Amino acid sequence: MAAKIEAAHQDRVGKVKLIASGGGCFELSLDGKLLYSKLQTGEFPDEDALVKLIGEQLS
């Protein structure tokens, strides 16, 4: 998923930063706004949906 997000938003270097974690849990934030939390949902998200969501937030 990280590679897909980075490839889709490579023109926005500095805006999109992926921070590795452990334990299979992760959260997706942009400019301090939580966009997705596996900790809250308990589910792994759809990669394409997250790429789209990031793009919408960056526009």
C-alpha atoms as a PDB file:
ATOM      1  CA  MET A   1       0.000   0.000   0.000  1.00  0.00           C
ATOM      2  CA  ALA A   2       2.799   2.441   0.817  1.00  0.00           C
ATOM      3  CA  ALA A   3       4.272   2.092  -2.669  1.00  0.00           C
ATOM      4  CA  LYS A   4       0.884   2.736  -4.260  1.00  0.00           C
ATOM      5  CA  ILE A   5       0.302   5.884  -2.185  1.00  0.00           C
ATOM      6  CA  GLU A   6       3.805   7.211  -2.864  1.00  0.00           C
ATOM      7  CA  ALA A   7       3.524   6.519  -6.616  1.00  0.00           C
ATOM      8  CA  ALA A   8       0.126   8.197  -6.872  1.00  0.00           C
ATOM      9  CA  HIS A   9       1.241  11.319  -5.018  1.00  0.00           C
ATOM     10  CA  GLN A  10       4.935  11.588  -5.924  1.00  0.00           C
ATOM     11  CA  ASP A  11       4.356  15.099  -7.264  1.00  0.00           C
ATOM     12  CA  ARG A  12       3.511  16.217  -3.756  1.00  0.00           C
ATOM     13  CA  VAL A  13       6.795  15.410  -2.083  1.00  0.00           C
ATOM     14  CA  GLY A  14       6.845  16.812   1.414  1.00  0.00           C
ATOM     15  CA  LYS A  15       3.052  16.647   1.710  1.00  0.00           C
ATOM     16  CA  VAL A  16       2.747  12.866   1.859  1.00  0.00           C
ATOM     17  CA  LYS A  17       4.970  11.121   4.372  1.00  0.00           C
ATOM     18  CA  LEU A  18       4.664   7.509   5.404  1.00  0.00           C
ATOM     19  CA  ILE A  19       5.852   6.578   8.861  1.00  0.00           C
ATOM     20  CA  ALA A  20       6.475   2.912   9.545  1.00  0.00           C
ATOM     21  CA  SER A  21       4.947   1.268  12.583  1.00  0.00           C
ATOM     22  CA  GLY A  22       4.613  -2.221  13.954  1.00  0.00           C
ATOM     23  CA  GLY A  23       1.973  -4.673  15.019  1.00  0.00           C
ATOM     24  CA  GLY A  24      -0.164  -4.399  11.879  1.00  0.00           C
ATOM     25  CA  CYS A  25      -1.938  -1.266  13.052  1.00  0.00           C
ATOM     26  CA  PHE A  26      -1.789   2.049  11.320  1.00  0.00           C
ATOM     27  CA  GLU A  27      -3.436   5.400  10.971  1.00  0.00           C
ATOM     28  CA  LEU A  28      -3.522   7.734   8.006  1.00  0.00           C
ATOM     29  CA  SER A  29      -3.319  11.451   8.755  1.00  0.00           C
ATOM     30  CA  LEU A  30      -2.843  14.456   6.552  1.00  0.00           C
ATOM     31  CA  ASP A  31      -2.021  17.889   7.955  1.00  0.00           C
ATOM     32  CA  GLY A  32      -2.949  16.640  11.422  1.00  0.00           C
ATOM     33  CA  LYS A  33      -6.375  15.377  10.299  1.00  0.00           C
ATOM     34  CA  LEU A  34      -7.048  11.666  10.837  1.00  0.00           C
ATOM     35  CA  LEU A  35      -8.341  10.182   7.585  1.00  0.00           C
ATOM     36  CA  TYR A  36      -8.310   6.481   8.438  1.00  0.00           C
ATOM     37  CA  SER A  37      -7.564   4.375  11.481  1.00  0.00           C
ATOM     38  CA  LYS A  38      -7.204   0.615  11.394  1.00  0.00           C
ATOM     39  CA  LEU A  39      -7.146   0.831  15.176  1.00  0.00           C
ATOM     40  CA  GLN A  40     -10.717   2.179  15.124  1.00  0.00           C
ATOM     41  CA  THR A  41     -12.155   0.063  12.292  1.00  0.00           C
ATOM     42  CA  GLY A  42     -10.259  -3.160  12.891  1.00  0.00           C
ATOM     43  CA  GLU A  43     -10.151  -3.587   9.116  1.00  0.00           C
ATOM     44  CA  PHE A  44      -7.475  -3.162   6.492  1.00  0.00           C
ATOM     45  CA  PRO A  45      -8.628  -0.436   4.075  1.00  0.00           C
ATOM     46  CA  ASP A  46      -9.071  -0.589   0.329  1.00  0.00           C
ATOM     47  CA  GLU A  47      -5.822   0.768  -1.157  1.00  0.00           C
ATOM     48  CA  ASP A  48      -7.488   2.540  -4.071  1.00  0.00           C
ATOM     49  CA  ALA A  49      -9.963   4.238  -1.724  1.00  0.00           C
ATOM     50  CA  LEU A  50      -7.114   5.577   0.432  1.00  0.00           C
ATOM     51  CA  VAL A  51      -5.190   6.866  -2.600  1.00  0.00           C
ATOM     52  CA  LYS A  52      -8.350   8.645  -3.760  1.00  0.00           C
ATOM     53  CA  LEU A  53      -9.035  10.042  -0.288  1.00  0.00           C
ATOM     54  CA  ILE A  54      -5.522  11.484  -0.049  1.00  0.00           C
ATOM     55  CA  GLY A  55      -5.877  13.046  -3.491  1.00  0.00           C
ATOM     56  CA  GLU A  56      -9.182  14.672  -2.522  1.00  0.00           C
ATOM     57  CA  GLN A  57      -7.658  16.108   0.642  1.00  0.00           C
ATOM     58  CA  LEU A  58      -4.629  17.472  -1.226  1.00  0.00           C
ATOM     59  CA  SER A  59      -6.671  19.270  -3.887  1.00  0.00           C
END
